[in-house]
C-alpha cells in the first residue's frame, strides 16, 4: 500500500516534550501513514530520544 498521509516533524532543538510528542504521534499512525523526521540542525541530545523511532515499522 502506498503512503497516503505523511506527518512531518521538523526537529531543531531538544525540548522536554520531544519524546512525548513522538510517542503521541506514533500512536496515531495507521496503515497508509508515514512519519518523517526532519533534522533542522538538531541538538545532539535529541539523538538518543529519536533512536527508537528510526527503526519503527
Foldseek 3Di string as FASTA:
>chain_A
DAADEEAEDEAAEDDPCPLVVVVVVVVPDDPNYYYHYHYPNYDPVCVVSCVVVVPDD
